[in-house]
């Protein structure tokens, strides 16, 4: 069973047992994370090797860095 399937099942179990909305919301956040992590892993596995600049750009996206003025952006 995949991690996202387990997280989805956890939400169902919490709802059936009458868990608090906070616990259900936390389980939903876990499901969103697991779904995204799984997608990213598949894409990284399928992609050709990335350059240093490409890795830095992707890391900035994941770290939540905001794009600055295009003139300051790292060249492609």
Protein backbone atom coordinates (compact mmCIF):
# COMPACT_ATOMS: atom_id res chain seq x y z
CA UNK A 1 0.00 0.00 0.00
CA UNK A 2 1.37 3.43 -0.89
CA UNK A 3 1.87 6.15 1.71
CA UNK A 4 -0.89 8.25 0.15
CA UNK A 5 -3.34 5.34 0.31
CA UNK A 6 -2.47 4.82 3.97
CA UNK A 7 -3.00 8.54 4.66
CA UNK A 8 -6.37 8.42 2.88
CA UNK A 9 -7.39 5.41 4.94
CA UNK A 10 -6.37 7.24 8.09
CA UNK A 11 -8.81 10.04 7.30
CA UNK A 12 -11.63 7.53 6.89
CA UNK A 13 -10.74 5.84 10.16
CA UNK A 14 -10.65 9.14 12.00
CA UNK A 15 -14.05 10.13 10.64
CA UNK A 16 -15.59 6.78 11.54
CA UNK A 17 -14.31 6.99 15.12
CA UNK A 18 -15.49 10.57 15.62
CA UNK A 19 -12.08 12.21 15.88
CA UNK A 20 -11.84 15.95 16.36
CA UNK A 21 -11.83 18.24 13.36
CA UNK A 22 -8.25 19.22 14.22
CA UNK A 23 -7.06 15.62 13.93
CA UNK A 24 -8.97 15.17 10.68
CA UNK A 25 -7.50 18.40 9.29
CA UNK A 26 -4.00 17.23 10.25
CA UNK A 27 -4.64 13.90 8.49
CA UNK A 28 -5.80 15.77 5.37
CA UNK A 29 -2.61 17.85 5.44
CA UNK A 30 -0.61 14.60 5.68
CA UNK A 31 -2.50 13.25 2.66
CA UNK A 32 -1.71 16.40 0.65
CA UNK A 33 1.95 16.08 1.60
CA UNK A 34 2.14 12.36 0.73
CA UNK A 35 0.40 12.92 -2.61
CA UNK A 36 2.80 15.74 -3.51
CA UNK A 37 5.88 13.84 -2.31
CA UNK A 38 4.89 10.80 -4.36
CA UNK A 39 4.37 12.95 -7.47
CA UNK A 40 7.74 14.69 -7.01
CA UNK A 41 9.53 11.35 -6.53
CA UNK A 42 8.03 9.98 -9.76
CA UNK A 43 9.01 13.10 -11.70
CA UNK A 44 12.57 13.13 -10.34
CA UNK A 45 12.99 9.44 -11.15
CA UNK A 46 11.80 10.02 -14.74
CA UNK A 47 13.80 13.20 -15.38
CA UNK A 48 17.27 13.42 -16.88
CA UNK A 49 20.04 14.71 -14.58
CA UNK A 50 19.52 18.36 -13.61
CA UNK A 51 22.07 21.14 -13.74
CA UNK A 52 23.10 23.03 -10.59
CA UNK A 53 20.93 25.98 -11.64
CA UNK A 54 17.89 23.77 -12.24
CA UNK A 55 18.32 22.09 -8.84
CA UNK A 56 18.66 25.50 -7.16
CA UNK A 57 15.46 26.76 -8.83
CA UNK A 58 13.52 23.70 -7.78
CA UNK A 59 14.88 23.94 -4.24
CA UNK A 60 13.79 27.58 -4.10
CA UNK A 61 10.27 26.55 -5.13
CA UNK A 62 10.13 23.91 -2.42
CA UNK A 63 11.55 26.28 0.20
CA UNK A 64 8.94 28.89 -0.67
CA UNK A 65 11.28 31.53 -2.04
CA UNK A 66 9.49 34.27 -3.91
CA UNK A 67 10.60 35.20 -7.41
CA UNK A 68 12.36 38.50 -7.53
CA UNK A 69 12.61 40.87 -10.48
CA UNK A 70 13.33 38.96 -13.71
CA UNK A 71 16.53 40.97 -14.13
CA UNK A 72 17.85 39.39 -10.92
CA UNK A 73 16.83 35.86 -11.88
CA UNK A 74 19.47 33.23 -12.55
CA UNK A 75 19.94 32.78 -16.32
CA UNK A 76 18.50 29.63 -17.92
